[in-house]
All heavy atoms as atom14 arrays in JSON, in Angstrom:
{
  "sequence": "GRVSLARRIVTDLQTWVDLSNAVIAVDGKPVIAEKRVYLMLNKPRGLV",
  "atom14_mask": [
    [1, 1, 1, 1, 0, 0, 0, 0, 0, 0, 0, 0, 0, 0],
    [1, 1, 1, 1, 1, 1, 1, 1, 1, 1, 1, 0, 0, 0],
    [1, 1, 1, 1, 1, 1, 1, 0, 0, 0, 0, 0, 0, 0],
    [1, 1, 1, 1, 1, 1, 0, 0, 0, 0, 0, 0, 0, 0],
    [1, 1, 1, 1, 1, 1, 1, 1, 0, 0, 0, 0, 0, 0],
    [1, 1, 1, 1, 1, 0, 0, 0, 0, 0, 0, 0, 0, 0],
    [1, 1, 1, 1, 1, 1, 1, 1, 1, 1, 1, 0, 0, 0],
    [1, 1, 1, 1, 1, 1, 1, 1, 1, 1, 1, 0, 0, 0],
    [1, 1, 1, 1, 1, 1, 1, 1, 0, 0, 0, 0, 0, 0],
    [1, 1, 1, 1, 1, 1, 1, 0, 0, 0, 0, 0, 0, 0],
    [1, 1, 1, 1, 1, 1, 1, 0, 0, 0, 0, 0, 0, 0],
    [1, 1, 1, 1, 1, 1, 1, 1, 0, 0, 0, 0, 0, 0],
    [1, 1, 1, 1, 1, 1, 1, 1, 0, 0, 0, 0, 0, 0],
    [1, 1, 1, 1, 1, 1, 1, 1, 1, 0, 0, 0, 0, 0],
    [1, 1, 1, 1, 1, 1, 1, 0, 0, 0, 0, 0, 0, 0],
    [1, 1, 1, 1, 1, 1, 1, 1, 1, 1, 1, 1, 1, 1],
    [1, 1, 1, 1, 1, 1, 1, 0, 0, 0, 0, 0, 0, 0],
    [1, 1, 1, 1, 1, 1, 1, 1, 0, 0, 0, 0, 0, 0],
    [1, 1, 1, 1, 1, 1, 1, 1, 0, 0, 0, 0, 0, 0],
    [1, 1, 1, 1, 1, 1, 0, 0, 0, 0, 0, 0, 0, 0],
    [1, 1, 1, 1, 1, 1, 1, 1, 0, 0, 0, 0, 0, 0],
    [1, 1, 1, 1, 1, 0, 0, 0, 0, 0, 0, 0, 0, 0],
    [1, 1, 1, 1, 1, 1, 1, 0, 0, 0, 0, 0, 0, 0],
    [1, 1, 1, 1, 1, 1, 1, 1, 0, 0, 0, 0, 0, 0],
    [1, 1, 1, 1, 1, 0, 0, 0, 0, 0, 0, 0, 0, 0],
    [1, 1, 1, 1, 1, 1, 1, 0, 0, 0, 0, 0, 0, 0],
    [1, 1, 1, 1, 1, 1, 1, 1, 0, 0, 0, 0, 0, 0],
    [1, 1, 1, 1, 0, 0, 0, 0, 0, 0, 0, 0, 0, 0],
    [1, 1, 1, 1, 1, 1, 1, 1, 1, 0, 0, 0, 0, 0],
    [1, 1, 1, 1, 1, 1, 1, 0, 0, 0, 0, 0, 0, 0],
    [1, 1, 1, 1, 1, 1, 1, 0, 0, 0, 0, 0, 0, 0],
    [1, 1, 1, 1, 1, 1, 1, 1, 0, 0, 0, 0, 0, 0],
    [1, 1, 1, 1, 1, 0, 0, 0, 0, 0, 0, 0, 0, 0],
    [1, 1, 1, 1, 1, 1, 1, 1, 1, 0, 0, 0, 0, 0],
    [1, 1, 1, 1, 1, 1, 1, 1, 1, 0, 0, 0, 0, 0],
    [1, 1, 1, 1, 1, 1, 1, 1, 1, 1, 1, 0, 0, 0],
    [1, 1, 1, 1, 1, 1, 1, 0, 0, 0, 0, 0, 0, 0],
    [1, 1, 1, 1, 1, 1, 1, 1, 1, 1, 1, 1, 0, 0],
    [1, 1, 1, 1, 1, 1, 1, 1, 0, 0, 0, 0, 0, 0],
    [1, 1, 1, 1, 1, 1, 1, 1, 0, 0, 0, 0, 0, 0],
    [1, 1, 1, 1, 1, 1, 1, 1, 0, 0, 0, 0, 0, 0],
    [1, 1, 1, 1, 1, 1, 1, 1, 0, 0, 0, 0, 0, 0],
    [1, 1, 1, 1, 1, 1, 1, 1, 1, 0, 0, 0, 0, 0],
    [1, 1, 1, 1, 1, 1, 1, 0, 0, 0, 0, 0, 0, 0],
    [1, 1, 1, 1, 1, 1, 1, 1, 1, 1, 1, 0, 0, 0],
    [1, 1, 1, 1, 0, 0, 0, 0, 0, 0, 0, 0, 0, 0],
    [1, 1, 1, 1, 1, 1, 1, 1, 0, 0, 0, 0, 0, 0],
    [1, 1, 1, 1, 1, 1, 1, 0, 0, 0, 0, 0, 0, 0]
  ],
  "atom14_positions": [
    [[158.25, 85.54, 148.98], [157.92, 86.85, 148.28], [156.72, 86.84, 147.47], [156.56, 87.58, 146.54], [0.0, 0.0, 0.0], [0.0, 0.0, 0.0], [0.0, 0.0, 0.0], [0.0, 0.0, 0.0], [0.0, 0.0, 0.0], [0.0, 0.0, 0.0], [0.0, 0.0, 0.0], [0.0, 0.0, 0.0], [0.0, 0.0, 0.0], [0.0, 0.0, 0.0]],
    [[155.72, 85.9, 147.86], [154.47, 85.87, 147.09], [153.3, 86.65, 147.71], [152.25, 86.7, 147.1], [154.04, 84.33, 147.02], [155.16, 83.54, 146.28], [154.71, 82.05, 146.32], [153.53, 81.77, 145.76], [152.96, 80.51, 145.82], [153.57, 79.55, 146.33], [151.74, 80.32, 145.24], [0.0, 0.0, 0.0], [0.0, 0.0, 0.0], [0.0, 0.0, 0.0]],
    [[153.6, 87.28, 148.84], [152.51, 87.97, 149.52], [152.76, 89.51, 149.4], [153.79, 89.93, 149.63], [152.37, 87.53, 151.04], [151.3, 88.32, 151.79], [152.21, 86.09, 151.12], [0.0, 0.0, 0.0], [0.0, 0.0, 0.0], [0.0, 0.0, 0.0], [0.0, 0.0, 0.0], [0.0, 0.0, 0.0], [0.0, 0.0, 0.0], [0.0, 0.0, 0.0]],
    [[151.68, 90.21, 149.16], [151.78, 91.73, 149.05], [150.75, 92.3, 150.04], [149.62, 91.73, 150.26], [151.67, 92.2, 147.7], [150.23, 91.94, 147.14], [0.0, 0.0, 0.0], [0.0, 0.0, 0.0], [0.0, 0.0, 0.0], [0.0, 0.0, 0.0], [0.0, 0.0, 0.0], [0.0, 0.0, 0.0], [0.0, 0.0, 0.0], [0.0, 0.0, 0.0]],
    [[151.12, 93.5, 150.59], [150.29, 94.26, 151.48], [150.06, 95.6, 150.93], [151.14, 96.34, 150.57], [150.87, 94.31, 152.86], [150.11, 95.13, 153.86], [148.73, 94.56, 154.11], [150.9, 95.19, 155.29], [0.0, 0.0, 0.0], [0.0, 0.0, 0.0], [0.0, 0.0, 0.0], [0.0, 0.0, 0.0], [0.0, 0.0, 0.0], [0.0, 0.0, 0.0]],
    [[148.99, 96.06, 150.55], [148.7, 97.28, 149.79], [149.66, 97.41, 148.51], [150.22, 98.42, 148.26], [148.89, 98.53, 150.67], [0.0, 0.0, 0.0], [0.0, 0.0, 0.0], [0.0, 0.0, 0.0], [0.0, 0.0, 0.0], [0.0, 0.0, 0.0], [0.0, 0.0, 0.0], [0.0, 0.0, 0.0], [0.0, 0.0, 0.0], [0.0, 0.0, 0.0]],
    [[149.67, 96.29, 147.85], [150.43, 96.2, 146.59], [151.92, 96.22, 146.62], [152.59, 96.32, 145.59], [149.91, 97.25, 145.58], [148.52, 97.16, 145.22], [148.16, 98.21, 144.12], [146.68, 98.14, 143.79], [146.11, 98.84, 142.86], [146.8, 99.72, 142.15], [144.87, 98.74, 142.59], [0.0, 0.0, 0.0], [0.0, 0.0, 0.0], [0.0, 0.0, 0.0]],
    [[152.49, 96.08, 147.91], [153.91, 96.04, 148.11], [154.27, 94.63, 148.63], [153.65, 94.25, 149.62], [154.42, 97.11, 149.05], [154.06, 98.59, 148.5], [154.61, 99.6, 149.43], [156.16, 99.49, 149.5], [156.87, 100.39, 150.19], [156.28, 101.45, 150.87], [158.18, 100.27, 150.07], [0.0, 0.0, 0.0], [0.0, 0.0, 0.0], [0.0, 0.0, 0.0]],
    [[155.29, 94.03, 148.06], [155.61, 92.69, 148.51], [156.11, 92.78, 149.97], [156.96, 93.67, 150.24], [156.76, 92.17, 147.59], [156.29, 91.97, 146.17], [157.27, 90.84, 148.05], [155.15, 90.9, 146.11], [0.0, 0.0, 0.0], [0.0, 0.0, 0.0], [0.0, 0.0, 0.0], [0.0, 0.0, 0.0], [0.0, 0.0, 0.0], [0.0, 0.0, 0.0]],
    [[155.68, 91.8, 150.71], [156.12, 91.67, 152.11], [156.87, 90.31, 152.3], [156.38, 89.28, 151.97], [154.9, 91.68, 153.01], [155.31, 91.49, 154.49], [154.16, 92.99, 152.95], [0.0, 0.0, 0.0], [0.0, 0.0, 0.0], [0.0, 0.0, 0.0], [0.0, 0.0, 0.0], [0.0, 0.0, 0.0], [0.0, 0.0, 0.0], [0.0, 0.0, 0.0]],
    [[158.02, 90.43, 152.92], [158.9, 89.26, 153.24], [159.2, 89.14, 154.71], [159.77, 88.04, 155.11], [160.13, 89.26, 152.35], [160.93, 90.44, 152.59], [159.8, 89.09, 150.86], [0.0, 0.0, 0.0], [0.0, 0.0, 0.0], [0.0, 0.0, 0.0], [0.0, 0.0, 0.0], [0.0, 0.0, 0.0], [0.0, 0.0, 0.0], [0.0, 0.0, 0.0]],
    [[158.85, 90.23, 155.45], [159.08, 90.23, 156.9], [157.97, 89.66, 157.62], [156.86, 90.13, 157.64], [159.29, 91.6, 157.35], [159.72, 91.76, 158.84], [159.81, 90.64, 159.53], [159.95, 92.84, 159.38], [0.0, 0.0, 0.0], [0.0, 0.0, 0.0], [0.0, 0.0, 0.0], [0.0, 0.0, 0.0], [0.0, 0.0, 0.0], [0.0, 0.0, 0.0]],
    [[158.24, 88.47, 158.28], [157.16, 87.79, 159.06], [156.58, 88.56, 160.28], [155.53, 88.21, 160.74], [157.61, 86.44, 159.56], [157.89, 85.25, 158.37], [158.5, 84.12, 159.0], [156.57, 85.05, 157.72], [0.0, 0.0, 0.0], [0.0, 0.0, 0.0], [0.0, 0.0, 0.0], [0.0, 0.0, 0.0], [0.0, 0.0, 0.0], [0.0, 0.0, 0.0]],
    [[157.38, 89.59, 160.64], [156.87, 90.42, 161.83], [155.96, 91.5, 161.3], [155.75, 92.42, 162.25], [158.04, 90.94, 162.63], [158.92, 89.78, 163.12], [158.09, 88.83, 164.01], [157.34, 89.23, 164.92], [158.26, 87.38, 163.71], [0.0, 0.0, 0.0], [0.0, 0.0, 0.0], [0.0, 0.0, 0.0], [0.0, 0.0, 0.0], [0.0, 0.0, 0.0]],
    [[155.74, 91.69, 160.1], [154.87, 92.73, 159.58], [153.47, 92.63, 160.16], [152.84, 91.59, 160.17], [154.8, 92.81, 158.06], [156.03, 92.95, 157.53], [153.88, 93.87, 157.52], [0.0, 0.0, 0.0], [0.0, 0.0, 0.0], [0.0, 0.0, 0.0], [0.0, 0.0, 0.0], [0.0, 0.0, 0.0], [0.0, 0.0, 0.0], [0.0, 0.0, 0.0]],
    [[153.0, 93.73, 160.8], [151.68, 93.63, 161.41], [150.64, 94.31, 160.44], [150.95, 95.27, 159.76], [151.65, 94.37, 162.76], [152.36, 93.56, 163.88], [153.69, 93.43, 163.99], [151.8, 92.83, 164.78], [153.94, 92.48, 164.99], [152.78, 92.17, 165.63], [150.49, 92.63, 165.21], [152.55, 91.33, 166.67], [150.17, 91.75, 166.33], [151.2, 91.12, 166.99]],
    [[149.48, 93.83, 160.41], [148.41, 94.36, 159.61], [147.13, 94.59, 160.39], [146.91, 93.77, 161.38], [148.13, 93.38, 158.37], [149.36, 93.32, 157.52], [147.6, 92.14, 158.79], [0.0, 0.0, 0.0], [0.0, 0.0, 0.0], [0.0, 0.0, 0.0], [0.0, 0.0, 0.0], [0.0, 0.0, 0.0], [0.0, 0.0, 0.0], [0.0, 0.0, 0.0]],
    [[146.22, 95.33, 159.91], [144.95, 95.47, 160.55], [143.91, 94.84, 159.62], [143.71, 95.21, 158.52], [144.6, 97.04, 160.57], [143.28, 97.25, 161.4], [142.48, 96.36, 161.42], [143.13, 98.31, 161.95], [0.0, 0.0, 0.0], [0.0, 0.0, 0.0], [0.0, 0.0, 0.0], [0.0, 0.0, 0.0], [0.0, 0.0, 0.0], [0.0, 0.0, 0.0]],
    [[143.39, 93.76, 160.07], [142.5, 92.99, 159.15], [141.21, 93.71, 158.77], [140.53, 93.33, 157.89], [142.09, 91.74, 159.86], [143.11, 90.59, 159.93], [142.85, 89.49, 161.01], [143.36, 90.04, 158.57], [0.0, 0.0, 0.0], [0.0, 0.0, 0.0], [0.0, 0.0, 0.0], [0.0, 0.0, 0.0], [0.0, 0.0, 0.0], [0.0, 0.0, 0.0]],
    [[140.96, 94.84, 159.45], [139.64, 95.48, 159.16], [139.83, 96.32, 157.92], [138.88, 96.63, 157.23], [139.27, 96.39, 160.24], [140.23, 97.42, 160.52], [0.0, 0.0, 0.0], [0.0, 0.0, 0.0], [0.0, 0.0, 0.0], [0.0, 0.0, 0.0], [0.0, 0.0, 0.0], [0.0, 0.0, 0.0], [0.0, 0.0, 0.0], [0.0, 0.0, 0.0]],
    [[141.03, 96.65, 157.38], [141.22, 97.45, 156.23], [142.39, 96.97, 155.31], [142.67, 97.6, 154.3], [141.41, 98.96, 156.59], [142.49, 99.11, 157.59], [143.44, 98.4, 157.55], [142.51, 100.19, 158.31], [0.0, 0.0, 0.0], [0.0, 0.0, 0.0], [0.0, 0.0, 0.0], [0.0, 0.0, 0.0], [0.0, 0.0, 0.0], [0.0, 0.0, 0.0]],
    [[143.12, 95.98, 155.78], [144.33, 95.6, 155.01], [143.83, 94.91, 153.59], [142.93, 94.21, 153.5], [145.15, 94.57, 155.84], [0.0, 0.0, 0.0], [0.0, 0.0, 0.0], [0.0, 0.0, 0.0], [0.0, 0.0, 0.0], [0.0, 0.0, 0.0], [0.0, 0.0, 0.0], [0.0, 0.0, 0.0], [0.0, 0.0, 0.0], [0.0, 0.0, 0.0]],
    [[144.65, 95.3, 152.6], [144.55, 94.79, 151.23], [145.65, 93.73, 151.07], [146.83, 94.11, 150.78], [144.51, 95.73, 150.17], [144.39, 95.15, 148.84], [143.51, 96.79, 150.53], [0.0, 0.0, 0.0], [0.0, 0.0, 0.0], [0.0, 0.0, 0.0], [0.0, 0.0, 0.0], [0.0, 0.0, 0.0], [0.0, 0.0, 0.0], [0.0, 0.0, 0.0]],
    [[145.47, 92.43, 151.25], [146.53, 91.4, 151.16], [146.27, 90.59, 149.87], [145.15, 90.3, 149.56], [146.41, 90.45, 152.42], [146.55, 91.19, 153.7], [147.59, 89.45, 152.37], [146.39, 90.47, 154.95], [0.0, 0.0, 0.0], [0.0, 0.0, 0.0], [0.0, 0.0, 0.0], [0.0, 0.0, 0.0], [0.0, 0.0, 0.0], [0.0, 0.0, 0.0]],
    [[147.31, 90.28, 149.3], [147.13, 89.4, 147.95], [148.3, 88.46, 147.98], [149.38, 88.6, 148.51], [147.32, 90.37, 146.81], [0.0, 0.0, 0.0], [0.0, 0.0, 0.0], [0.0, 0.0, 0.0], [0.0, 0.0, 0.0], [0.0, 0.0, 0.0], [0.0, 0.0, 0.0], [0.0, 0.0, 0.0], [0.0, 0.0, 0.0], [0.0, 0.0, 0.0]],
    [[147.99, 87.36, 147.3], [148.9, 86.2, 147.11], [149.05, 85.98, 145.61], [148.0, 85.83, 144.94], [148.53, 84.88, 147.8], [149.45, 83.77, 147.48], [148.47, 85.07, 149.34], [0.0, 0.0, 0.0], [0.0, 0.0, 0.0], [0.0, 0.0, 0.0], [0.0, 0.0, 0.0], [0.0, 0.0, 0.0], [0.0, 0.0, 0.0], [0.0, 0.0, 0.0]],
    [[150.27, 86.19, 145.12], [150.54, 86.14, 143.72], [149.66, 87.04, 142.97], [149.11, 86.77, 141.85], [150.31, 84.66, 143.11], [151.27, 83.58, 143.8], [152.37, 83.98, 144.16], [150.83, 82.48, 143.91], [0.0, 0.0, 0.0], [0.0, 0.0, 0.0], [0.0, 0.0, 0.0], [0.0, 0.0, 0.0], [0.0, 0.0, 0.0], [0.0, 0.0, 0.0]],
    [[149.43, 88.18, 143.58], [148.7, 89.29, 142.98], [147.2, 89.2, 142.91], [146.57, 90.08, 142.56], [0.0, 0.0, 0.0], [0.0, 0.0, 0.0], [0.0, 0.0, 0.0], [0.0, 0.0, 0.0], [0.0, 0.0, 0.0], [0.0, 0.0, 0.0], [0.0, 0.0, 0.0], [0.0, 0.0, 0.0], [0.0, 0.0, 0.0], [0.0, 0.0, 0.0]],
    [[146.73, 88.03, 143.55], [145.34, 87.88, 143.66], [144.75, 88.22, 145.11], [145.39, 87.75, 146.09], [144.9, 86.5, 143.32], [145.2, 86.07, 141.95], [144.77, 84.64, 141.66], [145.2, 84.21, 140.18], [144.85, 82.82, 139.87], [0.0, 0.0, 0.0], [0.0, 0.0, 0.0], [0.0, 0.0, 0.0], [0.0, 0.0, 0.0], [0.0, 0.0, 0.0]],
    [[143.91, 89.25, 145.29], [143.38, 89.63, 146.56], [142.87, 88.45, 147.35], [142.21, 87.48, 146.87], [142.38, 90.6, 146.31], [142.58, 90.99, 144.85], [143.19, 89.88, 144.17], [0.0, 0.0, 0.0], [0.0, 0.0, 0.0], [0.0, 0.0, 0.0], [0.0, 0.0, 0.0], [0.0, 0.0, 0.0], [0.0, 0.0, 0.0], [0.0, 0.0, 0.0]],
    [[143.16, 88.44, 148.73], [142.63, 87.36, 149.62], [141.48, 87.86, 150.31], [141.44, 88.95, 150.92], [143.78, 87.06, 150.59], [143.26, 86.05, 151.77], [144.93, 86.45, 149.98], [0.0, 0.0, 0.0], [0.0, 0.0, 0.0], [0.0, 0.0, 0.0], [0.0, 0.0, 0.0], [0.0, 0.0, 0.0], [0.0, 0.0, 0.0], [0.0, 0.0, 0.0]],
    [[140.35, 87.18, 150.11], [139.09, 87.59, 150.74], [138.74, 86.58, 151.76], [138.89, 85.44, 151.49], [138.01, 87.72, 149.62], [138.39, 88.67, 148.53], [136.67, 88.03, 150.25], [137.49, 88.79, 147.43], [0.0, 0.0, 0.0], [0.0, 0.0, 0.0], [0.0, 0.0, 0.0], [0.0, 0.0, 0.0], [0.0, 0.0, 0.0], [0.0, 0.0, 0.0]],
    [[138.32, 87.16, 152.85], [137.92, 86.16, 154.03], [136.94, 85.13, 153.5], [135.86, 85.55, 152.95], [137.36, 86.98, 155.16], [0.0, 0.0, 0.0], [0.0, 0.0, 0.0], [0.0, 0.0, 0.0], [0.0, 0.0, 0.0], [0.0, 0.0, 0.0], [0.0, 0.0, 0.0], [0.0, 0.0, 0.0], [0.0, 0.0, 0.0], [0.0, 0.0, 0.0]],
    [[137.18, 83.93, 153.69], [136.31, 82.89, 153.33], [135.18, 82.7, 154.44], [135.33, 82.95, 155.56], [137.07, 81.52, 153.16], [137.96, 81.47, 151.95], [138.36, 80.0, 151.69], [138.34, 79.2, 152.65], [138.61, 79.76, 150.61], [0.0, 0.0, 0.0], [0.0, 0.0, 0.0], [0.0, 0.0, 0.0], [0.0, 0.0, 0.0], [0.0, 0.0, 0.0]],
    [[134.01, 82.23, 153.92], [132.98, 81.78, 154.75], [133.47, 80.65, 155.66], [134.09, 79.68, 155.18], [131.83, 81.34, 154.05], [130.64, 80.95, 154.94], [129.44, 80.41, 154.04], [128.32, 79.93, 154.99], [127.21, 79.44, 154.25], [0.0, 0.0, 0.0], [0.0, 0.0, 0.0], [0.0, 0.0, 0.0], [0.0, 0.0, 0.0], [0.0, 0.0, 0.0]],
    [[133.25, 80.79, 156.93], [133.78, 79.74, 157.91], [133.02, 78.41, 157.71], [131.82, 78.47, 157.57], [133.62, 80.26, 159.33], [134.43, 81.44, 159.69], [135.8, 81.29, 159.39], [136.7, 82.27, 159.93], [137.95, 82.6, 159.54], [138.44, 81.8, 158.61], [138.65, 83.49, 160.1], [0.0, 0.0, 0.0], [0.0, 0.0, 0.0], [0.0, 0.0, 0.0]],
    [[133.73, 77.29, 157.59], [133.07, 76.04, 157.44], [133.58, 75.16, 158.53], [134.68, 75.14, 158.98], [133.59, 75.43, 156.12], [133.07, 74.05, 155.91], [133.26, 76.3, 154.8], [0.0, 0.0, 0.0], [0.0, 0.0, 0.0], [0.0, 0.0, 0.0], [0.0, 0.0, 0.0], [0.0, 0.0, 0.0], [0.0, 0.0, 0.0], [0.0, 0.0, 0.0]],
    [[132.56, 74.41, 159.08], [132.76, 73.44, 160.25], [132.0, 72.12, 159.89], [130.89, 72.15, 159.71], [132.26, 74.04, 161.53], [132.7, 75.41, 161.92], [132.01, 76.48, 161.36], [133.84, 75.67, 162.61], [132.37, 77.87, 161.63], [134.26, 76.95, 162.81], [133.47, 78.13, 162.42], [133.98, 79.29, 162.64], [0.0, 0.0, 0.0], [0.0, 0.0, 0.0]],
    [[132.89, 71.09, 159.74], [132.34, 69.84, 159.28], [132.59, 68.73, 160.26], [133.68, 68.83, 160.93], [132.88, 69.45, 157.92], [132.68, 70.28, 156.68], [133.38, 69.73, 155.5], [131.17, 70.53, 156.42], [0.0, 0.0, 0.0], [0.0, 0.0, 0.0], [0.0, 0.0, 0.0], [0.0, 0.0, 0.0], [0.0, 0.0, 0.0], [0.0, 0.0, 0.0]],
    [[131.77, 67.67, 160.26], [131.95, 66.51, 161.2], [132.09, 65.35, 160.29], [131.23, 65.16, 159.44], [130.78, 66.47, 162.25], [130.78, 65.13, 162.84], [129.13, 64.8, 163.73], [129.09, 65.99, 164.95], [0.0, 0.0, 0.0], [0.0, 0.0, 0.0], [0.0, 0.0, 0.0], [0.0, 0.0, 0.0], [0.0, 0.0, 0.0], [0.0, 0.0, 0.0]],
    [[133.07, 64.52, 160.46], [133.11, 63.25, 159.83], [133.11, 62.04, 160.72], [133.77, 62.1, 161.79], [134.41, 63.16, 158.85], [134.9, 61.8, 158.38], [134.04, 61.35, 157.27], [136.36, 61.87, 157.9], [0.0, 0.0, 0.0], [0.0, 0.0, 0.0], [0.0, 0.0, 0.0], [0.0, 0.0, 0.0], [0.0, 0.0, 0.0], [0.0, 0.0, 0.0]],
    [[132.4, 60.97, 160.45], [132.55, 59.7, 161.12], [133.6, 58.95, 160.39], [133.35, 58.19, 159.38], [131.19, 58.92, 161.17], [131.31, 57.67, 162.04], [132.4, 57.28, 162.37], [130.2, 57.14, 162.32], [0.0, 0.0, 0.0], [0.0, 0.0, 0.0], [0.0, 0.0, 0.0], [0.0, 0.0, 0.0], [0.0, 0.0, 0.0], [0.0, 0.0, 0.0]],
    [[134.83, 59.08, 160.81], [135.99, 58.43, 160.17], [136.0, 56.96, 160.16], [135.89, 56.34, 161.31], [137.38, 58.9, 160.87], [138.53, 58.27, 160.24], [139.81, 58.72, 161.09], [141.01, 57.89, 160.65], [140.93, 56.39, 160.77], [0.0, 0.0, 0.0], [0.0, 0.0, 0.0], [0.0, 0.0, 0.0], [0.0, 0.0, 0.0], [0.0, 0.0, 0.0]],
    [[136.03, 56.38, 158.96], [136.17, 54.9, 159.02], [137.56, 54.37, 159.33], [138.56, 55.2, 159.2], [135.85, 54.45, 157.55], [135.24, 55.69, 157.01], [135.92, 56.87, 157.71], [0.0, 0.0, 0.0], [0.0, 0.0, 0.0], [0.0, 0.0, 0.0], [0.0, 0.0, 0.0], [0.0, 0.0, 0.0], [0.0, 0.0, 0.0], [0.0, 0.0, 0.0]],
    [[137.68, 53.14, 159.85], [138.94, 52.53, 160.09], [139.77, 52.41, 158.73], [139.13, 52.19, 157.77], [138.73, 51.25, 160.79], [140.02, 50.57, 161.31], [139.6, 49.34, 162.13], [140.68, 48.79, 162.83], [140.62, 47.76, 163.73], [139.45, 47.27, 164.08], [141.69, 47.26, 164.29], [0.0, 0.0, 0.0], [0.0, 0.0, 0.0], [0.0, 0.0, 0.0]],
    [[141.09, 52.59, 158.77], [141.88, 52.38, 157.62], [142.23, 53.63, 156.85], [142.97, 53.6, 155.9], [0.0, 0.0, 0.0], [0.0, 0.0, 0.0], [0.0, 0.0, 0.0], [0.0, 0.0, 0.0], [0.0, 0.0, 0.0], [0.0, 0.0, 0.0], [0.0, 0.0, 0.0], [0.0, 0.0, 0.0], [0.0, 0.0, 0.0], [0.0, 0.0, 0.0]],
    [[141.75, 54.78, 157.22], [142.07, 55.98, 156.56], [143.12, 56.83, 157.47], [143.02, 56.78, 158.58], [140.85, 56.93, 156.37], [139.63, 56.34, 155.58], [138.61, 57.39, 155.39], [140.09, 55.85, 154.32], [0.0, 0.0, 0.0], [0.0, 0.0, 0.0], [0.0, 0.0, 0.0], [0.0, 0.0, 0.0], [0.0, 0.0, 0.0], [0.0, 0.0, 0.0]],
    [[144.09, 57.39, 156.78], [145.06, 58.18, 157.53], [144.65, 59.72, 157.47], [144.0, 60.18, 156.5], [146.43, 58.04, 156.84], [147.02, 56.71, 157.05], [146.49, 58.51, 155.33], [0.0, 0.0, 0.0], [0.0, 0.0, 0.0], [0.0, 0.0, 0.0], [0.0, 0.0, 0.0], [0.0, 0.0, 0.0], [0.0, 0.0, 0.0], [0.0, 0.0, 0.0]]
  ]
}
């Protein structure tokens, strides 16, 4: 119950939205599309 759509709490996972105009918020804070980030790591041995 932490997500709202157009200021109304949404709990139904089958709720469909239009990303071009939907106003989605989590805990009352609007969710704004983040800049896409793509990174490459040379992973060392020993890290999970």
